[in-house]
Amino acid sequence: MSEELEITRKCVVSGEIKSKEELLRFVLLRNGTVVPDFDKKLEGKGFYVSNSKNIIAQIGNTIRIGKLLHTNAKALPDLVETVEKILAKKGLDSLNLARKTGSLVFGFEKVKEALLKKKVAFIVKATDAGSDGDEKISALAKETNCYSLYNSATMSEALNRENTVYIAVEKSKISAMTEKNLQKYKTFLNE
C-alpha cells in the first residue's frame, strides 16, 4: 500500500511550511510585478503565500517582497482586493457549476427537507439572512458545514435566481470542489 504524500510549500512571507491547499500561488512576472496565479497558468517565477488577507497585504510592501524574492519586485497596488475578488468569484462559479449539475437545493423549506433527509454536503446562507430562519437552519445543520460569505443579491445574481438566501449543496461529485473553493475564500476573509 502506498500512502499519498501531502505536498507542502513554504510561505515566502511567514516562512511557515504548509500544505499547498493552505497557500495561494503568485508569480513574479518578467517586468517585476507580482500577480496572483491560482490556476498555475502564468509564466514567471512562482511562489506561495499563506491564504490570509493580513499576510497577502505584506506582499504589497515592495521593499519586503523584493528582499524575499531577491529582486526588484513590486506587487499590484490593489493586490489584496484583487485576491479577494478572485476567491469570491471562484466560490460563486463553483456554486453555479453545482447548480448546472442539479446539486443545489434552494429555499428555506427545501433546504430544511434536504437536511432532514441527510442529503446535504454543506449549506450556504446569505449574510443578510433573517435571524429567525438562520437559527432554525443552524439548529438542523448542527454537523453540517455552513458558509455565509455572500449577500442575497450577490448569490441571486450569480445563480440567476431571485431572492437566494438558503442553499443546500447535495452530496455529489462536485460538492467537494465547491466546498474547497468556498473554504478557501472563507479562510482568506477570516485569517
N, C-alpha and C. Protein backbone atom coordinates (compact mmCIF):
# COMPACT_ATOMS: atom_id res chain seq x y z
N MET A 1 0.84 -1.19 0.00
CA MET A 1 0.00 0.00 0.00
C MET A 1 0.88 1.24 0.00
N SER A 2 0.58 2.13 -0.92
CA SER A 2 1.35 3.38 -0.93
C SER A 2 0.48 4.49 -0.38
N GLU A 3 1.05 5.22 0.53
CA GLU A 3 0.35 6.35 1.12
C GLU A 3 0.61 7.58 0.28
N GLU A 4 -0.41 8.39 0.07
CA GLU A 4 -0.24 9.61 -0.68
C GLU A 4 0.45 10.65 0.21
N LEU A 5 1.53 11.20 -0.30
CA LEU A 5 2.25 12.22 0.46
C LEU A 5 1.60 13.58 0.26
N GLU A 6 1.49 14.31 1.34
CA GLU A 6 0.94 15.66 1.26
C GLU A 6 2.01 16.59 0.69
N ILE A 7 1.64 17.32 -0.33
CA ILE A 7 2.58 18.25 -0.95
C ILE A 7 2.58 19.54 -0.14
N THR A 8 3.77 19.94 0.27
CA THR A 8 3.90 21.15 1.08
C THR A 8 4.78 22.17 0.37
N ARG A 9 4.60 23.41 0.77
CA ARG A 9 5.41 24.52 0.27
C ARG A 9 5.63 25.48 1.43
N LYS A 10 6.59 26.36 1.24
CA LYS A 10 6.92 27.35 2.26
C LYS A 10 6.31 28.70 1.86
N CYS A 11 5.62 29.31 2.80
CA CYS A 11 5.10 30.67 2.58
C CYS A 11 6.30 31.61 2.58
N VAL A 12 6.47 32.39 1.49
CA VAL A 12 7.64 33.27 1.40
C VAL A 12 7.57 34.44 2.37
N VAL A 13 6.38 34.73 2.89
CA VAL A 13 6.25 35.85 3.82
C VAL A 13 6.46 35.40 5.26
N SER A 14 5.72 34.37 5.69
CA SER A 14 5.80 33.94 7.10
C SER A 14 6.89 32.91 7.35
N GLY A 15 7.30 32.21 6.30
CA GLY A 15 8.30 31.16 6.46
C GLY A 15 7.72 29.84 6.90
N GLU A 16 6.41 29.78 7.12
CA GLU A 16 5.75 28.54 7.56
C GLU A 16 5.66 27.53 6.42
N ILE A 17 5.84 26.26 6.76
CA ILE A 17 5.64 25.18 5.80
C ILE A 17 4.18 24.72 5.95
N LYS A 18 3.46 24.75 4.83
CA LYS A 18 2.04 24.38 4.85
C LYS A 18 1.72 23.52 3.64
N SER A 19 0.57 22.85 3.69
CA SER A 19 0.12 22.10 2.52
C SER A 19 -0.24 23.11 1.42
N LYS A 20 -0.11 22.68 0.18
CA LYS A 20 -0.42 23.58 -0.94
C LYS A 20 -1.86 24.09 -0.87
N GLU A 21 -2.74 23.28 -0.26
CA GLU A 21 -4.14 23.68 -0.13
C GLU A 21 -4.33 24.91 0.76
N GLU A 22 -3.39 25.13 1.67
CA GLU A 22 -3.47 26.26 2.60
C GLU A 22 -2.76 27.51 2.07
N LEU A 23 -2.24 27.41 0.87
CA LEU A 23 -1.46 28.50 0.30
C LEU A 23 -2.07 29.00 -0.99
N LEU A 24 -1.68 30.19 -1.37
CA LEU A 24 -2.08 30.77 -2.66
C LEU A 24 -0.81 30.98 -3.48
N ARG A 25 -0.90 30.71 -4.76
CA ARG A 25 0.27 30.84 -5.63
C ARG A 25 0.28 32.21 -6.30
N PHE A 26 1.46 32.79 -6.33
CA PHE A 26 1.69 34.06 -7.01
C PHE A 26 2.85 33.88 -7.97
N VAL A 27 2.96 34.78 -8.94
CA VAL A 27 4.04 34.73 -9.91
C VAL A 27 4.70 36.09 -10.00
N LEU A 28 6.02 36.06 -10.11
CA LEU A 28 6.80 37.26 -10.38
C LEU A 28 6.98 37.30 -11.89
N LEU A 29 6.31 38.25 -12.54
CA LEU A 29 6.41 38.38 -13.99
C LEU A 29 7.77 38.95 -14.39
N ARG A 30 8.10 38.87 -15.64
CA ARG A 30 9.38 39.37 -16.14
C ARG A 30 9.58 40.86 -15.87
N ASN A 31 8.46 41.60 -15.85
CA ASN A 31 8.58 43.05 -15.60
C ASN A 31 8.73 43.38 -14.12
N GLY A 32 8.79 42.36 -13.26
CA GLY A 32 8.99 42.56 -11.82
C GLY A 32 7.71 42.72 -11.03
N THR A 33 6.55 42.53 -11.66
CA THR A 33 5.27 42.66 -10.97
C THR A 33 4.82 41.32 -10.40
N VAL A 34 4.33 41.35 -9.18
CA VAL A 34 3.80 40.17 -8.51
C VAL A 34 2.29 40.13 -8.73
N VAL A 35 1.80 39.00 -9.26
CA VAL A 35 0.37 38.85 -9.54
C VAL A 35 -0.11 37.47 -9.06
N PRO A 36 -1.41 37.34 -8.74
CA PRO A 36 -1.96 36.04 -8.37
C PRO A 36 -1.94 35.09 -9.56
N ASP A 37 -1.70 33.81 -9.30
CA ASP A 37 -1.71 32.77 -10.34
C ASP A 37 -2.30 31.50 -9.76
N PHE A 38 -3.55 31.57 -9.33
CA PHE A 38 -4.17 30.45 -8.64
C PHE A 38 -4.43 29.26 -9.55
N ASP A 39 -4.50 29.49 -10.86
CA ASP A 39 -4.72 28.39 -11.80
C ASP A 39 -3.41 27.86 -12.39
N LYS A 40 -2.29 28.41 -11.95
CA LYS A 40 -0.96 27.96 -12.35
C LYS A 40 -0.77 27.97 -13.86
N LYS A 41 -1.12 29.10 -14.48
CA LYS A 41 -1.03 29.21 -15.94
C LYS A 41 -0.05 30.27 -16.41
N LEU A 42 0.39 31.14 -15.51
CA LEU A 42 1.26 32.24 -15.93
C LEU A 42 2.72 31.82 -15.94
N GLU A 43 3.47 32.42 -16.86
CA GLU A 43 4.91 32.19 -16.89
C GLU A 43 5.58 33.15 -15.94
N GLY A 44 6.62 32.71 -15.32
CA GLY A 44 7.36 33.54 -14.38
C GLY A 44 7.73 32.72 -13.16
N LYS A 45 8.41 33.35 -12.24
CA LYS A 45 8.85 32.68 -11.01
C LYS A 45 7.66 32.57 -10.05
N GLY A 46 7.25 31.33 -9.79
CA GLY A 46 6.12 31.10 -8.90
C GLY A 46 6.56 30.99 -7.46
N PHE A 47 5.70 31.42 -6.56
CA PHE A 47 5.95 31.28 -5.13
C PHE A 47 4.62 31.22 -4.40
N TYR A 48 4.66 30.76 -3.16
CA TYR A 48 3.43 30.54 -2.39
C TYR A 48 3.38 31.45 -1.16
N VAL A 49 2.15 31.86 -0.84
CA VAL A 49 1.90 32.73 0.30
C VAL A 49 0.69 32.17 1.04
N SER A 50 0.71 32.24 2.36
CA SER A 50 -0.42 31.76 3.17
C SER A 50 -1.71 32.44 2.74
N ASN A 51 -2.78 31.69 2.77
CA ASN A 51 -4.10 32.19 2.40
C ASN A 51 -4.65 33.05 3.54
N SER A 52 -4.17 34.28 3.60
CA SER A 52 -4.55 35.19 4.67
C SER A 52 -4.48 36.62 4.15
N LYS A 53 -5.54 37.35 4.40
CA LYS A 53 -5.59 38.76 4.00
C LYS A 53 -4.39 39.53 4.57
N ASN A 54 -4.10 39.29 5.84
CA ASN A 54 -3.01 40.01 6.51
C ASN A 54 -1.64 39.68 5.91
N ILE A 55 -1.42 38.42 5.62
CA ILE A 55 -0.13 38.01 5.04
C ILE A 55 0.01 38.58 3.62
N ILE A 56 -1.06 38.49 2.84
CA ILE A 56 -1.00 38.98 1.46
C ILE A 56 -0.81 40.49 1.43
N ALA A 57 -1.35 41.19 2.41
CA ALA A 57 -1.14 42.64 2.50
C ALA A 57 0.35 42.95 2.64
N GLN A 58 1.10 42.05 3.25
CA GLN A 58 2.54 42.27 3.42
C GLN A 58 3.30 42.17 2.10
N ILE A 59 2.72 41.48 1.11
CA ILE A 59 3.36 41.42 -0.21
C ILE A 59 3.42 42.81 -0.82
N GLY A 60 2.42 43.62 -0.48
CA GLY A 60 2.37 44.99 -1.01
C GLY A 60 3.55 45.84 -0.60
N ASN A 61 4.27 45.44 0.41
CA ASN A 61 5.46 46.16 0.84
C ASN A 61 6.58 45.81 -0.14
N THR A 62 6.82 46.72 -1.09
CA THR A 62 7.77 46.48 -2.18
C THR A 62 9.15 46.12 -1.67
N ILE A 63 9.63 46.78 -0.64
CA ILE A 63 10.96 46.50 -0.12
C ILE A 63 11.01 45.08 0.42
N ARG A 64 9.99 44.71 1.21
CA ARG A 64 9.96 43.37 1.82
C ARG A 64 9.88 42.28 0.76
N ILE A 65 8.97 42.41 -0.20
CA ILE A 65 8.82 41.35 -1.20
C ILE A 65 10.05 41.28 -2.09
N GLY A 66 10.67 42.41 -2.37
CA GLY A 66 11.91 42.40 -3.16
C GLY A 66 13.01 41.63 -2.46
N LYS A 67 13.12 41.81 -1.16
CA LYS A 67 14.12 41.07 -0.38
C LYS A 67 13.80 39.57 -0.37
N LEU A 68 12.53 39.25 -0.19
CA LEU A 68 12.14 37.83 -0.13
C LEU A 68 12.41 37.12 -1.45
N LEU A 69 12.20 37.81 -2.55
CA LEU A 69 12.37 37.20 -3.87
C LEU A 69 13.74 37.51 -4.49
N HIS A 70 14.55 38.25 -3.75
CA HIS A 70 15.90 38.61 -4.20
C HIS A 70 15.89 39.33 -5.56
N THR A 71 14.99 40.27 -5.71
CA THR A 71 14.88 41.01 -6.96
C THR A 71 14.11 42.30 -6.71
N ASN A 72 14.04 43.14 -7.71
CA ASN A 72 13.24 44.37 -7.62
C ASN A 72 11.80 44.02 -8.01
N ALA A 73 11.03 43.58 -7.06
CA ALA A 73 9.65 43.18 -7.32
C ALA A 73 8.69 44.22 -6.79
N LYS A 74 7.55 44.33 -7.45
CA LYS A 74 6.50 45.21 -6.95
C LYS A 74 5.16 44.49 -7.11
N ALA A 75 4.35 44.61 -6.10
CA ALA A 75 3.03 43.99 -6.14
C ALA A 75 2.03 44.96 -6.74
N LEU A 76 0.95 44.44 -7.25
CA LEU A 76 -0.13 45.30 -7.71
C LEU A 76 -0.58 46.16 -6.54
N PRO A 77 -0.91 47.43 -6.77
CA PRO A 77 -1.29 48.29 -5.65
C PRO A 77 -2.56 47.82 -4.93
N ASP A 78 -3.43 47.13 -5.63
CA ASP A 78 -4.68 46.64 -5.04
C ASP A 78 -4.67 45.12 -4.94
N LEU A 79 -3.52 44.55 -4.56
CA LEU A 79 -3.35 43.09 -4.56
C LEU A 79 -4.36 42.39 -3.65
N VAL A 80 -4.56 42.88 -2.45
CA VAL A 80 -5.49 42.23 -1.51
C VAL A 80 -6.91 42.21 -2.10
N GLU A 81 -7.34 43.33 -2.65
CA GLU A 81 -8.68 43.41 -3.24
C GLU A 81 -8.79 42.49 -4.45
N THR A 82 -7.73 42.41 -5.25
CA THR A 82 -7.72 41.53 -6.42
C THR A 82 -7.86 40.08 -5.99
N VAL A 83 -7.09 39.68 -4.99
CA VAL A 83 -7.16 38.30 -4.49
C VAL A 83 -8.56 38.01 -3.95
N GLU A 84 -9.11 38.95 -3.20
CA GLU A 84 -10.45 38.75 -2.65
C GLU A 84 -11.49 38.55 -3.75
N LYS A 85 -11.40 39.36 -4.80
CA LYS A 85 -12.35 39.25 -5.92
C LYS A 85 -12.21 37.90 -6.62
N ILE A 86 -10.97 37.45 -6.82
CA ILE A 86 -10.74 36.17 -7.49
C ILE A 86 -11.32 35.03 -6.66
N LEU A 87 -11.04 35.02 -5.35
CA LEU A 87 -11.54 33.94 -4.49
C LEU A 87 -13.06 33.96 -4.38
N ALA A 88 -13.63 35.16 -4.28
CA ALA A 88 -15.10 35.28 -4.22
C ALA A 88 -15.73 34.74 -5.50
N LYS A 89 -15.14 35.10 -6.63
CA LYS A 89 -15.67 34.65 -7.92
C LYS A 89 -15.52 33.14 -8.08
N LYS A 90 -14.40 32.59 -7.65
CA LYS A 90 -14.21 31.13 -7.74
C LYS A 90 -15.30 30.39 -6.94
N GLY A 91 -15.63 30.92 -5.77
CA GLY A 91 -16.68 30.32 -4.96
C GLY A 91 -18.03 30.37 -5.65
N LEU A 92 -18.36 31.54 -6.19
CA LEU A 92 -19.64 31.70 -6.88
C LEU A 92 -19.70 30.86 -8.16
N ASP A 93 -18.59 30.82 -8.89
CA ASP A 93 -18.55 30.00 -10.11
C ASP A 93 -18.74 28.52 -9.78
N SER A 94 -18.17 28.07 -8.66
CA SER A 94 -18.33 26.68 -8.23
C SER A 94 -19.78 26.38 -7.89
N LEU A 95 -20.41 27.33 -7.19
CA LEU A 95 -21.84 27.16 -6.87
C LEU A 95 -22.67 27.09 -8.15
N ASN A 96 -22.34 27.93 -9.11
CA ASN A 96 -23.08 27.95 -10.36
C ASN A 96 -22.91 26.64 -11.12
N LEU A 97 -21.71 26.10 -11.10
CA LEU A 97 -21.46 24.81 -11.73
C LEU A 97 -22.27 23.71 -11.03
N ALA A 98 -22.30 23.76 -9.70
CA ALA A 98 -23.10 22.80 -8.94
C ALA A 98 -24.58 22.94 -9.28
N ARG A 99 -25.02 24.18 -9.49
CA ARG A 99 -26.42 24.41 -9.90
C ARG A 99 -26.71 23.74 -11.24
N LYS A 100 -25.77 23.88 -12.17
CA LYS A 100 -25.96 23.30 -13.50
C LYS A 100 -26.00 21.78 -13.48
N THR A 101 -25.37 21.17 -12.48
CA THR A 101 -25.40 19.70 -12.37
C THR A 101 -26.59 19.21 -11.55
N GLY A 102 -27.39 20.15 -11.05
CA GLY A 102 -28.57 19.77 -10.26
C GLY A 102 -28.27 19.43 -8.82
N SER A 103 -27.13 19.92 -8.32
CA SER A 103 -26.72 19.59 -6.95
C SER A 103 -27.14 20.60 -5.91
N LEU A 104 -27.85 21.65 -6.30
CA LEU A 104 -28.26 22.67 -5.34
C LEU A 104 -29.75 22.58 -5.04
N VAL A 105 -30.08 22.84 -3.78
CA VAL A 105 -31.46 22.92 -3.33
C VAL A 105 -31.65 24.33 -2.80
N PHE A 106 -32.68 25.02 -3.27
CA PHE A 106 -32.91 26.42 -2.91
C PHE A 106 -34.13 26.59 -2.03
N GLY A 107 -34.06 27.57 -1.14
CA GLY A 107 -35.21 27.94 -0.33
C GLY A 107 -35.22 27.27 1.03
N PHE A 108 -35.73 28.00 1.99
CA PHE A 108 -35.71 27.55 3.38
C PHE A 108 -36.34 26.17 3.55
N GLU A 109 -37.56 25.97 3.05
CA GLU A 109 -38.27 24.71 3.27
C GLU A 109 -37.58 23.53 2.59
N LYS A 110 -37.09 23.74 1.38
CA LYS A 110 -36.43 22.65 0.65
C LYS A 110 -35.07 22.33 1.27
N VAL A 111 -34.39 23.34 1.75
CA VAL A 111 -33.10 23.11 2.43
C VAL A 111 -33.36 22.33 3.71
N LYS A 112 -34.38 22.74 4.45
CA LYS A 112 -34.75 22.05 5.70
C LYS A 112 -35.06 20.58 5.42
N GLU A 113 -35.82 20.33 4.37
CA GLU A 113 -36.19 18.96 3.99
C GLU A 113 -34.94 18.14 3.61
N ALA A 114 -34.04 18.73 2.84
CA ALA A 114 -32.81 18.03 2.43
C ALA A 114 -31.93 17.71 3.65
N LEU A 115 -31.89 18.64 4.61
CA LEU A 115 -31.13 18.39 5.84
C LEU A 115 -31.72 17.22 6.62
N LEU A 116 -33.03 17.19 6.72
CA LEU A 116 -33.69 16.11 7.46
C LEU A 116 -33.45 14.75 6.80
N LYS A 117 -33.32 14.74 5.47
CA LYS A 117 -33.08 13.50 4.73
C LYS A 117 -31.59 13.15 4.67
N LYS A 118 -30.75 14.02 5.26
CA LYS A 118 -29.29 13.80 5.32
C LYS A 118 -28.66 13.68 3.93
N LYS A 119 -29.13 14.52 3.01
CA LYS A 119 -28.62 14.53 1.64
C LYS A 119 -27.60 15.64 1.42
N VAL A 120 -27.35 16.46 2.45
CA VAL A 120 -26.62 17.71 2.27
C VAL A 120 -25.13 17.57 2.61
N ALA A 121 -24.29 18.04 1.69
CA ALA A 121 -22.84 18.09 1.95
C ALA A 121 -22.51 19.31 2.80
N PHE A 122 -23.11 20.45 2.46
CA PHE A 122 -22.94 21.69 3.22
C PHE A 122 -24.01 22.69 2.83
N ILE A 123 -24.10 23.75 3.63
CA ILE A 123 -25.11 24.80 3.44
C ILE A 123 -24.42 26.12 3.10
N VAL A 124 -25.07 26.91 2.26
CA VAL A 124 -24.64 28.29 2.00
C VAL A 124 -25.83 29.17 2.33
N LYS A 125 -25.60 30.15 3.20
CA LYS A 125 -26.69 31.07 3.54
C LYS A 125 -26.21 32.50 3.34
N ALA A 126 -27.12 33.35 2.94
CA ALA A 126 -26.79 34.75 2.68
C ALA A 126 -26.38 35.45 3.97
N THR A 127 -25.45 36.37 3.85
CA THR A 127 -25.01 37.13 5.02
C THR A 127 -26.13 37.99 5.58
N ASP A 128 -27.11 38.29 4.75
CA ASP A 128 -28.23 39.12 5.20
C ASP A 128 -29.49 38.28 5.46
N ALA A 129 -29.32 37.00 5.73
CA ALA A 129 -30.46 36.13 6.06
C ALA A 129 -31.07 36.58 7.38
N GLY A 130 -32.36 36.42 7.51
CA GLY A 130 -33.06 36.79 8.75
C GLY A 130 -32.62 35.91 9.90
N SER A 131 -32.57 36.45 11.09
CA SER A 131 -32.07 35.70 12.25
C SER A 131 -32.97 34.52 12.61
N ASP A 132 -34.29 34.64 12.40
CA ASP A 132 -35.20 33.56 12.74
C ASP A 132 -34.92 32.32 11.89
N GLY A 133 -34.89 32.48 10.58
CA GLY A 133 -34.61 31.37 9.68
C GLY A 133 -33.20 30.85 9.87
N ASP A 134 -32.28 31.77 10.12
CA ASP A 134 -30.88 31.42 10.33
C ASP A 134 -30.73 30.48 11.53
N GLU A 135 -31.40 30.79 12.61
CA GLU A 135 -31.34 29.95 13.81
C GLU A 135 -31.94 28.57 13.55
N LYS A 136 -33.03 28.51 12.81
CA LYS A 136 -33.68 27.23 12.52
C LYS A 136 -32.79 26.35 11.63
N ILE A 137 -32.19 26.95 10.61
CA ILE A 137 -31.30 26.19 9.72
C ILE A 137 -30.07 25.73 10.50
N SER A 138 -29.52 26.62 11.30
CA SER A 138 -28.33 26.26 12.08
C SER A 138 -28.62 25.11 13.04
N ALA A 139 -29.81 25.09 13.63
CA ALA A 139 -30.19 24.02 14.56
C ALA A 139 -30.27 22.68 13.83
N LEU A 140 -30.77 22.69 12.59
CA LEU A 140 -30.88 21.46 11.81
C LEU A 140 -29.53 21.02 11.24
N ALA A 141 -28.67 21.98 10.98
CA ALA A 141 -27.39 21.69 10.32
C ALA A 141 -26.25 21.62 11.31
N LYS A 142 -26.50 21.08 12.48
CA LYS A 142 -25.50 21.04 13.56
C LYS A 142 -24.16 20.48 13.10
N GLU A 143 -24.16 19.39 12.40
CA GLU A 143 -22.92 18.74 11.99
C GLU A 143 -22.60 18.98 10.52
N THR A 144 -23.24 19.96 9.93
CA THR A 144 -23.04 20.27 8.52
C THR A 144 -22.35 21.63 8.42
N ASN A 145 -21.30 21.70 7.64
CA ASN A 145 -20.61 22.98 7.45
C ASN A 145 -21.56 23.99 6.82
N CYS A 146 -21.44 25.21 7.28
CA CYS A 146 -22.30 26.28 6.79
C CYS A 146 -21.43 27.47 6.42
N TYR A 147 -21.64 28.00 5.22
CA TYR A 147 -20.86 29.13 4.72
C TYR A 147 -21.77 30.33 4.52
N SER A 148 -21.35 31.43 5.10
CA SER A 148 -22.09 32.69 4.96
C SER A 148 -21.09 33.73 4.46
N LEU A 149 -20.95 33.80 3.14
CA LEU A 149 -19.91 34.62 2.52
C LEU A 149 -20.43 35.71 1.59
N TYR A 150 -21.65 35.55 1.10
CA TYR A 150 -22.20 36.47 0.11
C TYR A 150 -23.58 36.94 0.56
N ASN A 151 -23.95 38.13 0.17
CA ASN A 151 -25.31 38.58 0.47
C ASN A 151 -26.28 37.99 -0.54
N SER A 152 -27.55 38.13 -0.25
CA SER A 152 -28.60 37.54 -1.08
C SER A 152 -28.55 38.06 -2.52
N ALA A 153 -28.32 39.34 -2.69
CA ALA A 153 -28.29 39.93 -4.04
C ALA A 153 -27.15 39.34 -4.87
N THR A 154 -26.00 39.17 -4.26
CA THR A 154 -24.84 38.61 -4.97
C THR A 154 -25.11 37.16 -5.36
N MET A 155 -25.65 36.37 -4.44
CA MET A 155 -25.95 34.96 -4.75
C MET A 155 -27.04 34.87 -5.82
N SER A 156 -28.05 35.70 -5.70
CA SER A 156 -29.15 35.68 -6.68
C SER A 156 -28.63 36.00 -8.08
N GLU A 157 -27.79 37.01 -8.18
CA GLU A 157 -27.25 37.40 -9.49
C GLU A 157 -26.35 36.30 -10.06
N ALA A 158 -25.48 35.75 -9.24
CA ALA A 158 -24.54 34.72 -9.70
C ALA A 158 -25.25 33.44 -10.14
N LEU A 159 -26.35 33.11 -9.47
CA LEU A 159 -27.05 31.86 -9.74
C LEU A 159 -28.30 32.07 -10.61
N ASN A 160 -28.49 33.30 -11.06
CA ASN A 160 -29.60 33.64 -11.95
C ASN A 160 -30.95 33.23 -11.37
N ARG A 161 -31.13 33.59 -10.08
CA ARG A 161 -32.37 33.28 -9.36
C ARG A 161 -32.76 34.50 -8.53
N GLU A 162 -34.01 34.60 -8.20
CA GLU A 162 -34.45 35.70 -7.35
C GLU A 162 -34.42 35.27 -5.89
N ASN A 163 -34.10 36.21 -5.01
CA ASN A 163 -34.19 36.04 -3.57
C ASN A 163 -33.51 34.76 -3.06
N THR A 164 -32.25 34.58 -3.40
CA THR A 164 -31.50 33.41 -2.95
C THR A 164 -30.91 33.67 -1.57
N VAL A 165 -31.43 32.99 -0.57
CA VAL A 165 -30.99 33.19 0.81
C VAL A 165 -30.36 31.91 1.37
N TYR A 166 -31.00 30.77 1.14
CA TYR A 166 -30.51 29.49 1.65
C TYR A 166 -30.28 28.52 0.50
N ILE A 167 -29.11 27.87 0.54
CA ILE A 167 -28.77 26.87 -0.48
C ILE A 167 -28.20 25.65 0.25
N ALA A 168 -28.72 24.49 -0.12
CA ALA A 168 -28.10 23.24 0.34
C ALA A 168 -27.37 22.66 -0.85
N VAL A 169 -26.12 22.28 -0.65
CA VAL A 169 -25.36 21.62 -1.71
C VAL A 169 -25.41 20.13 -1.38
N GLU A 170 -26.07 19.39 -2.25
CA GLU A 170 -26.24 17.96 -2.01
C GLU A 170 -24.93 17.22 -2.24
N LYS A 171 -24.80 16.11 -1.55
CA LYS A 171 -23.62 15.26 -1.72
C LYS A 171 -23.55 14.81 -3.17
N SER A 172 -22.43 15.11 -3.80
CA SER A 172 -22.24 14.77 -5.21
C SER A 172 -20.76 14.87 -5.53
N LYS A 173 -20.41 14.54 -6.76
CA LYS A 173 -19.02 14.62 -7.18
C LYS A 173 -18.51 16.06 -7.13
N ILE A 174 -19.38 16.99 -7.40
CA ILE A 174 -18.95 18.39 -7.49
C ILE A 174 -18.96 19.10 -6.13
N SER A 175 -19.60 18.52 -5.13
CA SER A 175 -19.72 19.22 -3.84
C SER A 175 -18.37 19.43 -3.16
N ALA A 176 -17.45 18.49 -3.29
CA ALA A 176 -16.13 18.63 -2.64
C ALA A 176 -15.35 19.80 -3.25
N MET A 177 -15.35 19.92 -4.57
CA MET A 177 -14.66 21.02 -5.24
C MET A 177 -15.30 22.36 -4.87
N THR A 178 -16.60 22.38 -4.83
CA THR A 178 -17.32 23.60 -4.48
C THR A 178 -16.99 24.03 -3.06
N GLU A 179 -17.02 23.07 -2.14
CA GLU A 179 -16.72 23.40 -0.75
C GLU A 179 -15.27 23.85 -0.59
N LYS A 180 -14.37 23.25 -1.31
CA LYS A 180 -12.95 23.63 -1.25
C LYS A 180 -12.78 25.10 -1.63
N ASN A 181 -13.47 25.53 -2.69
CA ASN A 181 -13.36 26.93 -3.12
C ASN A 181 -14.01 27.89 -2.13
N LEU A 182 -15.12 27.49 -1.55
CA LEU A 182 -15.77 28.34 -0.54
C LEU A 182 -14.92 28.42 0.73
N GLN A 183 -14.34 27.29 1.13
CA GLN A 183 -13.49 27.27 2.32
C GLN A 183 -12.26 28.14 2.11
N LYS A 184 -11.69 28.13 0.92
CA LYS A 184 -10.50 28.95 0.63
C LYS A 184 -10.86 30.44 0.76
N TYR A 185 -12.01 30.83 0.27
CA TYR A 185 -12.47 32.21 0.38
C TYR A 185 -12.73 32.57 1.85
N LYS A 186 -13.38 31.67 2.57
CA LYS A 186 -13.68 31.91 3.99
C LYS A 186 -12.38 32.07 4.79
N THR A 187 -11.43 31.21 4.55
CA THR A 187 -10.14 31.29 5.25
C THR A 187 -9.46 32.63 4.97
N PHE A 188 -9.46 33.04 3.72
CA PHE A 188 -8.86 34.32 3.33
C PHE A 188 -9.49 35.47 4.12
N LEU A 189 -10.80 35.47 4.23
CA LEU A 189 -11.52 36.54 4.91
C LEU A 189 -11.26 36.55 6.43
N ASN A 190 -11.08 35.35 7.01
CA ASN A 190 -11.00 35.23 8.46
C ASN A 190 -9.61 35.15 9.04
N GLU A 191 -8.60 34.99 8.23
CA GLU A 191 -7.22 34.85 8.76
C GLU A 191 -6.59 36.21 8.97
